[in-house]
PDB file of N, CA and C in Angstrom:
ATOM      1  N   MET A   1      -3.968  48.433 -12.739  1.00  0.00           N
ATOM      2  CA  MET A   1      -3.438  46.923 -12.790  1.00  0.00           C
ATOM      3  C   MET A   1      -1.712  47.791 -11.821  1.00  0.00           C
ATOM      4  N   THR A   2      -2.161  47.421 -10.453  1.00  0.00           N
ATOM      5  CA  THR A   2      -0.991  48.337  -9.294  1.00  0.00           C
ATOM      6  C   THR A   2      -0.313  46.509  -8.950  1.00  0.00           C
ATOM      7  N   GLU A   3      -1.059  45.599  -8.912  1.00  0.00           N
ATOM      8  CA  GLU A   3      -0.555  44.799  -8.019  1.00  0.00           C
ATOM      9  C   GLU A   3       0.637  43.702  -8.941  1.00  0.00           C
ATOM     10  N   ASN A   4       0.809  43.208  -8.659  1.00  0.00           N
ATOM     11  CA  ASN A   4       1.853  41.953  -8.930  1.00  0.00           C
ATOM     12  C   ASN A   4       1.308  40.499  -9.383  1.00  0.00           C
ATOM     13  N   PRO A   5       0.833  39.943 -10.458  1.00  0.00           N
ATOM     14  CA  PRO A   5      -0.292  39.063 -10.526  1.00  0.00           C
ATOM     15  C   PRO A   5       0.695  37.823  -9.965  1.00  0.00           C
ATOM     16  N   TYR A   6       1.781  37.769  -9.937  1.00  0.00           N
ATOM     17  CA  TYR A   6       3.068  36.571  -9.269  1.00  0.00           C
ATOM     18  C   TYR A   6       3.237  36.831  -8.282  1.00  0.00           C
ATOM     19  N   ARG A   7       3.070  37.212  -7.564  1.00  0.00           N
ATOM     20  CA  ARG A   7       3.282  37.226  -6.572  1.00  0.00           C
ATOM     21  C   ARG A   7       2.931  36.494  -5.451  1.00  0.00           C
ATOM     22  N   SER A   8       4.167  36.313  -4.250  1.00  0.00           N
ATOM     23  CA  SER A   8       3.075  35.053  -3.795  1.00  0.00           C
ATOM     24  C   SER A   8       2.707  35.880  -2.972  1.00  0.00           C
ATOM     25  N   PRO A   9       0.774  35.203  -2.263  1.00  0.00           N
ATOM     26  CA  PRO A   9       0.575  36.163  -1.503  1.00  0.00           C
ATOM     27  C   PRO A   9       0.944  36.188   0.290  1.00  0.00           C
ATOM     28  N   SER A  10       1.655  35.472   0.578  1.00  0.00           N
ATOM     29  CA  SER A  10       1.625  34.523   1.632  1.00  0.00           C
ATOM     30  C   SER A  10       3.363  35.597   2.206  1.00  0.00           C
ATOM     31  N   THR A  11       3.645  36.825   1.300  1.00  0.00           N
ATOM     32  CA  THR A  11       4.570  38.096   1.248  1.00  0.00           C
ATOM     33  C   THR A  11       4.733  38.348   2.903  1.00  0.00           C
ATOM     34  N   GLY A  12       2.860  39.572   2.755  1.00  0.00           N
ATOM     35  CA  GLY A  12       2.698  39.578   4.293  1.00  0.00           C
ATOM     36  C   GLY A  12       3.456  39.591   5.332  1.00  0.00           C
ATOM     37  N   GLY A  13       3.260  38.361   5.790  1.00  0.00           N
ATOM     38  CA  GLY A  13       3.822  38.301   7.204  1.00  0.00           C
ATOM     39  C   GLY A  13       4.410  36.586   7.193  1.00  0.00           C
ATOM     40  N   PRO A  14       4.350  35.722   8.902  1.00  0.00           N
ATOM     41  CA  PRO A  14       4.521  34.505   8.712  1.00  0.00           C
ATOM     42  C   PRO A  14       3.710  33.776   8.314  1.00  0.00           C
ATOM     43  N   SER A  15       3.856  32.590   8.000  1.00  0.00           N
ATOM     44  CA  SER A  15       3.421  31.701   7.238  1.00  0.00           C
ATOM     45  C   SER A  15       2.072  30.913   8.169  1.00  0.00           C
ATOM     46  N   PRO A  16       0.426  30.604   8.340  1.00  0.00           N
ATOM     47  CA  PRO A  16       0.284  29.936   9.822  1.00  0.00           C
ATOM     48  C   PRO A  16       1.367  28.446  10.049  1.00  0.00           C
ATOM     49  N   LYS A  17       1.270  27.895  11.084  1.00  0.00           N
ATOM     50  CA  LYS A  17       1.496  26.334  11.676  1.00  0.00           C
ATOM     51  C   LYS A  17       0.742  25.498  11.033  1.00  0.00           C
ATOM     52  N   THR A  18       1.112  24.601  10.743  1.00  0.00           N
ATOM     53  CA  THR A  18       0.131  23.417  10.454  1.00  0.00           C
ATOM     54  C   THR A  18       0.716  22.186  10.613  1.00  0.00           C
ATOM     55  N   ARG A  19       0.090  21.106  10.111  1.00  0.00           N
ATOM     56  CA  ARG A  19       0.650  19.685  10.522  1.00  0.00           C
ATOM     57  C   ARG A  19      -0.244  18.926   9.834  1.00  0.00           C
ATOM     58  N   SER A  20       0.186  17.543   9.463  1.00  0.00           N
ATOM     59  CA  SER A  20      -0.514  16.481   8.648  1.00  0.00           C
ATOM     60  C   SER A  20      -1.378  16.034   9.538  1.00  0.00           C
ATOM     61  N   THR A  21      -2.589  15.261   8.524  1.00  0.00           N
ATOM     62  CA  THR A  21      -3.523  14.626   9.438  1.00  0.00           C
ATOM     63  C   THR A  21      -3.100  13.590   9.745  1.00  0.00           C
ATOM     64  N   ARG A  22      -3.387  13.429  10.991  1.00  0.00           N
ATOM     65  CA  ARG A  22      -2.211  11.699  11.536  1.00  0.00           C
ATOM     66  C   ARG A  22      -3.124  10.930  11.593  1.00  0.00           C
ATOM     67  N   TRP A  23      -4.241  11.182  11.290  1.00  0.00           N
ATOM     68  CA  TRP A  23      -5.267   9.889  10.946  1.00  0.00           C
ATOM     69  C   TRP A  23      -5.525   8.845   9.965  1.00  0.00           C
ATOM     70  N   LEU A  24      -5.103   9.984   8.325  1.00  0.00           N
ATOM     71  CA  LEU A  24      -4.654   9.932   7.208  1.00  0.00           C
ATOM     72  C   LEU A  24      -3.270   8.639   6.804  1.00  0.00           C
ATOM     73  N   VAL A  25      -2.278   9.231   7.489  1.00  0.00           N
ATOM     74  CA  VAL A  25      -0.802   8.635   7.402  1.00  0.00           C
ATOM     75  C   VAL A  25      -0.680   7.573   7.679  1.00  0.00           C
ATOM     76  N   TRP A  26      -1.739   7.418   9.756  1.00  0.00           N
ATOM     77  CA  TRP A  26      -1.771   5.946   9.564  1.00  0.00           C
ATOM     78  C   TRP A  26      -2.516   5.005   9.295  1.00  0.00           C
ATOM     79  N   SER A  27      -3.382   5.398   8.744  1.00  0.00           N
ATOM     80  CA  SER A  27      -3.656   4.419   7.746  1.00  0.00           C
ATOM     81  C   SER A  27      -3.197   4.202   6.775  1.00  0.00           C
ATOM     82  N   GLY A  28      -2.764   4.954   6.144  1.00  0.00           N
ATOM     83  CA  GLY A  28      -2.054   4.413   4.731  1.00  0.00           C
ATOM     84  C   GLY A  28      -1.305   4.116   5.549  1.00  0.00           C
ATOM     85  N   VAL A  29      -0.126   3.971   6.416  1.00  0.00           N
ATOM     86  CA  VAL A  29       0.902   3.131   7.276  1.00  0.00           C
ATOM     87  C   VAL A  29       0.408   1.548   7.131  1.00  0.00           C
ATOM     88  N   VAL A  30      -1.098   1.684   7.425  1.00  0.00           N
ATOM     89  CA  VAL A  30      -1.401  -0.116   8.284  1.00  0.00           C
ATOM     90  C   VAL A  30      -2.124  -0.338   6.678  1.00  0.00           C
ATOM     91  N   CYS A  31      -1.938   0.162   5.713  1.00  0.00           N
ATOM     92  CA  CYS A  31      -3.500  -0.167   4.566  1.00  0.00           C
ATOM     93  C   CYS A  31      -1.217  -0.490   3.597  1.00  0.00           C
ATOM     94  N   LEU A  32      -0.636  -0.178   3.877  1.00  0.00           N
ATOM     95  CA  LEU A  32       0.947  -0.509   3.222  1.00  0.00           C
ATOM     96  C   LEU A  32       1.257  -1.569   3.802  1.00  0.00           C
ATOM     97  N   GLY A  33       1.677  -1.868   5.427  1.00  0.00           N
ATOM     98  CA  GLY A  33       1.856  -3.296   5.959  1.00  0.00           C
ATOM     99  C   GLY A  33       0.698  -3.804   6.126  1.00  0.00           C
ATOM    100  N   LEU A  34       0.166  -4.387   5.873  1.00  0.00           N
ATOM    101  CA  LEU A  34      -1.168  -4.893   5.234  1.00  0.00           C
ATOM    102  C   LEU A  34      -0.391  -5.626   4.048  1.00  0.00           C
ATOM    103  N   ALA A  35      -0.231  -4.418   2.648  1.00  0.00           N
ATOM    104  CA  ALA A  35      -0.127  -5.230   1.397  1.00  0.00           C
ATOM    105  C   ALA A  35       1.291  -5.690   1.504  1.00  0.00           C
ATOM    106  N   LEU A  36       1.946  -5.899   2.925  1.00  0.00           N
ATOM    107  CA  LEU A  36       3.362  -6.275   2.770  1.00  0.00           C
ATOM    108  C   LEU A  36       3.093  -7.456   2.631  1.00  0.00           C
ATOM    109  N   LEU A  37       2.061  -7.726   3.916  1.00  0.00           N
ATOM    110  CA  LEU A  37       1.977  -9.066   4.764  1.00  0.00           C
ATOM    111  C   LEU A  37       1.449  -9.674   3.535  1.00  0.00           C
ATOM    112  N   CYS A  38       0.368  -9.765   3.017  1.00  0.00           N
ATOM    113  CA  CYS A  38      -0.686 -10.464   2.187  1.00  0.00           C
ATOM    114  C   CYS A  38       0.779 -10.296   0.771  1.00  0.00           C
ATOM    115  N   LEU A  39       1.849 -10.354   0.179  1.00  0.00           N
ATOM    116  CA  LEU A  39       2.541 -10.273  -0.127  1.00  0.00           C
ATOM    117  C   LEU A  39       3.845 -11.263   0.711  1.00  0.00           C
ATOM    118  N   GLY A  40       3.600 -11.426   1.380  1.00  0.00           N
ATOM    119  CA  GLY A  40       4.747 -12.346   2.503  1.00  0.00           C
ATOM    120  C   GLY A  40       3.704 -13.746   2.427  1.00  0.00           C
ATOM    121  N   PHE A  41       2.557 -13.615   2.247  1.00  0.00           N
ATOM    122  CA  PHE A  41       2.244 -14.516   2.663  1.00  0.00           C
ATOM    123  C   PHE A  41       2.192 -15.173   0.663  1.00  0.00           C
ATOM    124  N   VAL A  42       2.410 -14.398  -0.155  1.00  0.00           N
ATOM    125  CA  VAL A  42       1.774 -14.781  -1.339  1.00  0.00           C
ATOM    126  C   VAL A  42       3.456 -15.856  -1.378  1.00  0.00           C
ATOM    127  N   VAL A  43       4.283 -15.264  -1.364  1.00  0.00           N
ATOM    128  CA  VAL A  43       5.471 -15.908  -1.080  1.00  0.00           C
ATOM    129  C   VAL A  43       6.287 -17.177  -0.985  1.00  0.00           C
ATOM    130  N   VAL A  44       5.526 -17.382   0.199  1.00  0.00           N
ATOM    131  CA  VAL A  44       5.585 -18.772   0.983  1.00  0.00           C
ATOM    132  C   VAL A  44       4.697 -19.832   1.087  1.00  0.00           C
ATOM    133  N   ALA A  45       3.611 -19.167   0.350  1.00  0.00           N
ATOM    134  CA  ALA A  45       2.488 -19.752   0.212  1.00  0.00           C
ATOM    135  C   ALA A  45       2.924 -20.751  -1.593  1.00  0.00           C
ATOM    136  N   MET A  46       3.773 -20.112  -2.625  1.00  0.00           N
ATOM    137  CA  MET A  46       4.067 -20.007  -3.236  1.00  0.00           C
ATOM    138  C   MET A  46       5.514 -21.681  -3.105  1.00  0.00           C
ATOM    139  N   LEU A  47       6.162 -21.266  -1.950  1.00  0.00           N
ATOM    140  CA  LEU A  47       7.490 -22.108  -1.282  1.00  0.00           C
ATOM    141  C   LEU A  47       6.568 -22.860  -1.045  1.00  0.00           C
ATOM    142  N   LEU A  48       5.536 -23.564  -0.211  1.00  0.00           N
ATOM    143  CA  LEU A  48       4.994 -24.266   0.308  1.00  0.00           C
ATOM    144  C   LEU A  48       4.440 -25.579  -1.401  1.00  0.00           C
ATOM    145  N   SER A  49       4.098 -24.627  -1.726  1.00  0.00           N
ATOM    146  CA  SER A  49       3.268 -25.085  -3.051  1.00  0.00           C
ATOM    147  C   SER A  49       4.293 -26.212  -3.750  1.00  0.00           C
ATOM    148  N   PHE A  50       5.768 -25.300  -4.302  1.00  0.00           N
ATOM    149  CA  PHE A  50       6.620 -26.047  -5.232  1.00  0.00           C
ATOM    150  C   PHE A  50       7.043 -26.812  -4.710  1.00  0.00           C
ATOM    151  N   HIS A  51       7.155 -26.764  -2.951  1.00  0.00           N
ATOM    152  CA  HIS A  51       8.130 -27.755  -2.029  1.00  0.00           C
ATOM    153  C   HIS A  51       7.176 -28.927  -2.020  1.00  0.00           C
ATOM    154  N   MET A  52       6.282 -29.126  -2.278  1.00  0.00           N
ATOM    155  CA  MET A  52       5.525 -30.118  -2.143  1.00  0.00           C
ATOM    156  C   MET A  52       4.914 -30.389  -3.439  1.00  0.00           C
ATOM    157  N   ILE A  53       5.129 -29.607  -4.313  1.00  0.00           N
ATOM    158  CA  ILE A  53       5.289 -30.653  -6.306  1.00  0.00           C
ATOM    159  C   ILE A  53       6.530 -31.355  -6.232  1.00  0.00           C
ATOM    160  N   SER A  54       7.798 -30.768  -5.347  1.00  0.00           N
ATOM    161  CA  SER A  54       9.323 -31.372  -5.174  1.00  0.00           C
ATOM    162  C   SER A  54       9.507 -32.338  -5.058  1.00  0.00           C
ATOM    163  N   HIS A  55       8.220 -32.877  -3.787  1.00  0.00           N
ATOM    164  CA  HIS A  55       8.932 -33.784  -2.997  1.00  0.00           C
ATOM    165  C   HIS A  55       7.858 -34.616  -2.807  1.00  0.00           C
ATOM    166  N   SER A  56       7.207 -34.657  -4.311  1.00  0.00           N
ATOM    167  CA  SER A  56       6.078 -35.936  -4.297  1.00  0.00           C
ATOM    168  C   SER A  56       6.539 -36.798  -5.478  1.00  0.00           C
ATOM    169  N   THR A  57       5.458 -37.910  -4.832  1.00  0.00           N
ATOM    170  CA  THR A  57       6.473 -39.444  -5.645  1.00  0.00           C
ATOM    171  C   THR A  57       6.096 -39.840  -6.717  1.00  0.00           C
ATOM    172  N   THR A  58       5.224 -39.512  -6.756  1.00  0.00           N
ATOM    173  CA  THR A  58       4.366 -39.058  -7.938  1.00  0.00           C
ATOM    174  C   THR A  58       3.969 -38.168  -9.519  1.00  0.00           C
ATOM    175  N   THR A  59       3.977 -38.036 -10.194  1.00  0.00           N
ATOM    176  CA  THR A  59       4.203 -36.713 -11.405  1.00  0.00           C
ATOM    177  C   THR A  59       2.718 -36.207 -10.767  1.00  0.00           C
ATOM    178  N   PRO A  60       3.299 -34.839 -10.262  1.00  0.00           N
ATOM    179  CA  PRO A  60       1.459 -34.508  -9.848  1.00  0.00           C
ATOM    180  C   PRO A  60       0.547 -33.854 -11.417  1.00  0.00           C
ATOM    181  N   SER A  61      -0.862 -34.386 -11.018  1.00  0.00           N
ATOM    182  CA  SER A  61      -1.886 -33.431 -12.869  1.00  0.00           C
ATOM    183  C   SER A  61      -1.398 -32.020 -12.661  1.00  0.00           C
ATOM    184  N   PRO A  62      -2.124 -31.908 -13.549  1.00  0.00           N
ATOM    185  CA  PRO A  62      -2.169 -30.160 -13.982  1.00  0.00           C
ATOM    186  C   PRO A  62      -3.249 -30.087 -13.144  1.00  0.00           C
ATOM    187  N   ALA A  63      -4.334 -30.854 -12.430  1.00  0.00           N
ATOM    188  CA  ALA A  63      -5.026 -29.798 -11.832  1.00  0.00           C
ATOM    189  C   ALA A  63      -4.128 -29.584 -10.301  1.00  0.00           C
ATOM    190  N   ASP A  64      -3.655 -30.706  -9.951  1.00  0.00           N
ATOM    191  CA  ASP A  64      -2.911 -30.593  -8.599  1.00  0.00           C
ATOM    192  C   ASP A  64      -1.842 -29.151  -8.934  1.00  0.00           C
ATOM    193  N   LEU A  65      -0.715 -28.986  -9.115  1.00  0.00           N
ATOM    194  CA  LEU A  65      -0.788 -27.688 -10.104  1.00  0.00           C
ATOM    195  C   LEU A  65      -1.449 -26.322  -9.770  1.00  0.00           C
ATOM    196  N   ALA A  66      -2.405 -27.030 -10.910  1.00  0.00           N
ATOM    197  CA  ALA A  66      -3.738 -25.177 -10.789  1.00  0.00           C
ATOM    198  C   ALA A  66      -3.819 -24.997  -9.144  1.00  0.00           C
ATOM    199  N   ARG A  67      -4.623 -25.871  -8.888  1.00  0.00           N
ATOM    200  CA  ARG A  67      -5.121 -25.699  -7.327  1.00  0.00           C
ATOM    201  C   ARG A  67      -4.478 -25.296  -6.675  1.00  0.00           C
ATOM    202  N   ASN A  68      -2.847 -25.927  -6.434  1.00  0.00           N
ATOM    203  CA  ASN A  68      -1.949 -24.848  -6.035  1.00  0.00           C
ATOM    204  C   ASN A  68      -1.476 -23.973  -5.072  1.00  0.00           C
ATOM    205  N   ILE A  69      -1.091 -23.840  -6.782  1.00  0.00           N
ATOM    206  CA  ILE A  69      -0.732 -22.762  -7.655  1.00  0.00           C
ATOM    207  C   ILE A  69      -1.709 -21.504  -7.120  1.00  0.00           C
ATOM    208  N   ARG A  70      -3.387 -21.651  -7.396  1.00  0.00           N
ATOM    209  CA  ARG A  70      -4.627 -20.950  -7.090  1.00  0.00           C
ATOM    210  C   ARG A  70      -4.751 -20.873  -5.874  1.00  0.00           C
ATOM    211  N   VAL A  71      -4.389 -21.498  -4.815  1.00  0.00           N
ATOM    212  CA  VAL A  71      -4.445 -20.832  -3.260  1.00  0.00           C
ATOM    213  C   VAL A  71      -2.950 -20.281  -2.975  1.00  0.00           C
ATOM    214  N   SER A  72      -1.893 -20.217  -3.934  1.00  0.00           N
ATOM    215  CA  SER A  72      -1.058 -19.662  -3.552  1.00  0.00           C
ATOM    216  C   SER A  72      -0.868 -18.479  -4.088  1.00  0.00           C
ATOM    217  N   LEU A  73      -1.453 -17.785  -5.067  1.00  0.00           N
ATOM    218  CA  LEU A  73      -2.111 -16.451  -5.107  1.00  0.00           C
ATOM    219  C   LEU A  73      -2.824 -15.916  -5.062  1.00  0.00           C
ATOM    220  N   LEU A  74      -3.815 -16.467  -4.291  1.00  0.00           N
ATOM    221  CA  LEU A  74      -5.336 -16.132  -3.609  1.00  0.00           C
ATOM    222  C   LEU A  74      -4.432 -13.984  -2.502  1.00  0.00           C
ATOM    223  N   PRO A  75      -3.756 -14.732  -2.006  1.00  0.00           N
ATOM    224  CA  PRO A  75      -3.290 -13.528  -1.305  1.00  0.00           C
ATOM    225  C   PRO A  75      -2.780 -12.038  -2.235  1.00  0.00           C
ATOM    226  N   SER A  76      -2.980 -12.166  -3.436  1.00  0.00           N
ATOM    227  CA  SER A  76      -2.057 -11.007  -4.186  1.00  0.00           C
ATOM    228  C   SER A  76      -3.552 -10.029  -4.944  1.00  0.00           C
ATOM    229  N   LEU A  77      -4.925 -10.746  -4.904  1.00  0.00           N
ATOM    230  CA  LEU A  77      -5.868 -10.247  -4.919  1.00  0.00           C
ATOM    231  C   LEU A  77      -6.271  -9.097  -3.540  1.00  0.00           C
ATOM    232  N   ALA A  78      -5.555  -9.136  -3.122  1.00  0.00           N
ATOM    233  CA  ALA A  78      -5.717  -8.101  -1.646  1.00  0.00           C
ATOM    234  C   ALA A  78      -4.253  -7.007  -1.657  1.00  0.00           C
ATOM    235  N   TRP A  79      -3.477  -7.640  -2.442  1.00  0.00           N
ATOM    236  CA  TRP A  79      -2.355  -6.887  -1.795  1.00  0.00           C
ATOM    237  C   TRP A  79      -2.293  -6.169  -2.695  1.00  0.00           C
ATOM    238  N   MET A  80      -2.820  -5.291  -3.981  1.00  0.00           N
ATOM    239  CA  MET A  80      -2.189  -4.829  -4.818  1.00  0.00           C
ATOM    240  C   MET A  80      -3.232  -3.603  -4.475  1.00  0.00           C
ATOM    241  N   PRO A  81      -5.275  -3.811  -4.361  1.00  0.00           N
ATOM    242  CA  PRO A  81      -5.668  -2.925  -3.659  1.00  0.00           C
ATOM    243  C   PRO A  81      -5.335  -2.427  -2.354  1.00  0.00           C
ATOM    244  N   LEU A  82      -4.782  -2.950  -1.684  1.00  0.00           N
ATOM    245  CA  LEU A  82      -4.314  -2.348  -0.084  1.00  0.00           C
ATOM    246  C   LEU A  82      -2.927  -1.503  -0.598  1.00  0.00           C
ATOM    247  N   ALA A  83      -2.343  -2.052  -1.471  1.00  0.00           N
ATOM    248  CA  ALA A  83      -1.091  -0.994  -1.438  1.00  0.00           C
ATOM    249  C   ALA A  83      -1.494   0.781  -2.192  1.00  0.00           C
ATOM    250  N   ILE A  84      -2.709   0.352  -2.943  1.00  0.00           N
ATOM    251  CA  ILE A  84      -2.569   1.449  -3.688  1.00  0.00           C
ATOM    252  C   ILE A  84      -3.829   2.731  -2.799  1.00  0.00           C
ATOM    253  N   LEU A  85      -4.479   1.834  -2.248  1.00  0.00           N
ATOM    254  CA  LEU A  85      -5.305   2.657  -1.052  1.00  0.00           C
ATOM    255  C   LEU A  85      -4.107   3.198   0.017  1.00  0.00           C
ATOM    256  N   GLY A  86      -2.935   2.372   0.377  1.00  0.00           N
ATOM    257  CA  GLY A  86      -1.829   2.995   1.476  1.00  0.00           C
ATOM    258  C   GLY A  86      -2.015   4.183   0.661  1.00  0.00           C
ATOM    259  N   ILE A  87      -0.767   3.874  -0.013  1.00  0.00           N
ATOM    260  CA  ILE A  87      -0.333   5.041  -1.072  1.00  0.00           C
ATOM    261  C   ILE A  87      -1.222   6.340  -0.949  1.00  0.00           C
ATOM    262  N   VAL A  88      -2.275   6.532  -1.681  1.00  0.00           N
ATOM    263  CA  VAL A  88      -3.360   7.220  -1.154  1.00  0.00           C
ATOM    264  C   VAL A  88      -3.770   8.323  -0.463  1.00  0.00           C
ATOM    265  N   LEU A  89      -3.787   7.296   0.795  1.00  0.00           N
ATOM    266  CA  LEU A  89      -4.207   7.646   2.492  1.00  0.00           C
ATOM    267  C   LEU A  89      -2.663   8.332   2.325  1.00  0.00           C
ATOM    268  N   LEU A  90      -1.298   7.735   2.004  1.00  0.00           N
ATOM    269  CA  LEU A  90      -0.213   8.610   3.032  1.00  0.00           C
ATOM    270  C   LEU A  90       0.249   9.955   2.606  1.00  0.00           C
ATOM    271  N   ILE A  91      -0.241  10.117   0.968  1.00  0.00           N
ATOM    272  CA  ILE A  91      -0.041  11.278   0.297  1.00  0.00           C
ATOM    273  C   ILE A  91      -1.123  12.258   0.645  1.00  0.00           C
ATOM    274  N   ALA A  92      -2.039  11.775   1.308  1.00  0.00           N
ATOM    275  CA  ALA A  92      -3.233  12.598   1.784  1.00  0.00           C
ATOM    276  C   ALA A  92      -2.977  13.127   2.744  1.00  0.00           C
ATOM    277  N   GLY A  93      -2.617  12.106   3.730  1.00  0.00           N
ATOM    278  CA  GLY A  93      -2.090  12.853   4.892  1.00  0.00           C
ATOM    279  C   GLY A  93      -1.443  13.419   4.912  1.00  0.00           C
ATOM    280  N   LEU A  94      -0.238  13.394   4.007  1.00  0.00           N
ATOM    281  CA  LEU A  94       1.058  14.617   4.527  1.00  0.00           C
ATOM    282  C   LEU A  94       0.765  16.063   3.279  1.00  0.00           C
ATOM    283  N   LEU A  95      -0.223  15.406   2.810  1.00  0.00           N
ATOM    284  CA  LEU A  95      -0.648  17.118   2.081  1.00  0.00           C
ATOM    285  C   LEU A  95      -1.827  17.573   2.817  1.00  0.00           C
ATOM    286  N   ILE A  96      -3.061  17.058   3.338  1.00  0.00           N
ATOM    287  CA  ILE A  96      -3.750  17.579   3.983  1.00  0.00           C
ATOM    288  C   ILE A  96      -3.576  18.078   5.180  1.00  0.00           C
ATOM    289  N   ARG A  97      -3.155  19.715   5.411  1.00  0.00           N
ATOM    290  CA  ARG A  97      -2.654  20.224   6.536  1.00  0.00           C
ATOM    291  C   ARG A  97      -4.115  20.840   7.148  1.00  0.00           C
ATOM    292  N   ARG A  98      -3.992  20.524   8.999  1.00  0.00           N
ATOM    293  CA  ARG A  98      -4.841  21.179   9.179  1.00  0.00           C
ATOM    294  C   ARG A  98      -4.005  21.993  10.575  1.00  0.00           C
ATOM    295  N   PRO A  99      -4.673  23.498  10.947  1.00  0.00           N
ATOM    296  CA  PRO A  99      -3.880  24.385  11.809  1.00  0.00           C
ATOM    297  C   PRO A  99      -3.588  23.978  13.138  1.00  0.00           C
ATOM    298  N   VAL A 100      -2.401  23.954  12.950  1.00  0.00           N
ATOM    299  CA  VAL A 100      -2.115  24.052  14.749  1.00  0.00           C
ATOM    300  C   VAL A 100      -2.984  25.167  15.829  1.00  0.00           C
ATOM    301  N   GLU A 101      -3.862  24.363  16.496  1.00  0.00           N
ATOM    302  CA  GLU A 101      -4.112  25.423  17.270  1.00  0.00           C
ATOM    303  C   GLU A 101      -3.621  25.663  18.974  1.00  0.00           C
TER     304      GLU A 101
END
């Protein structure tokens, strides 16, 4: 056993130049942007829903309340998977490197 098993294999010379996979990075950024947009829609829809409830001349029924809140929460079904996908794509795009020619 003449070699040190803990020595880095790149000590022999300069490491090859690499760069990130751009399409993965941009896909991650787009997914995170769409997730942020969906989250903004949730906030705006909730504000509109509560504004309608507060300016109602009669007491709203529980069914009306549930319907308004359900409609305002629909974009929240989309933002969480988009955010997770965006983070995964962004990390993968930064970690997966390709050689520069």
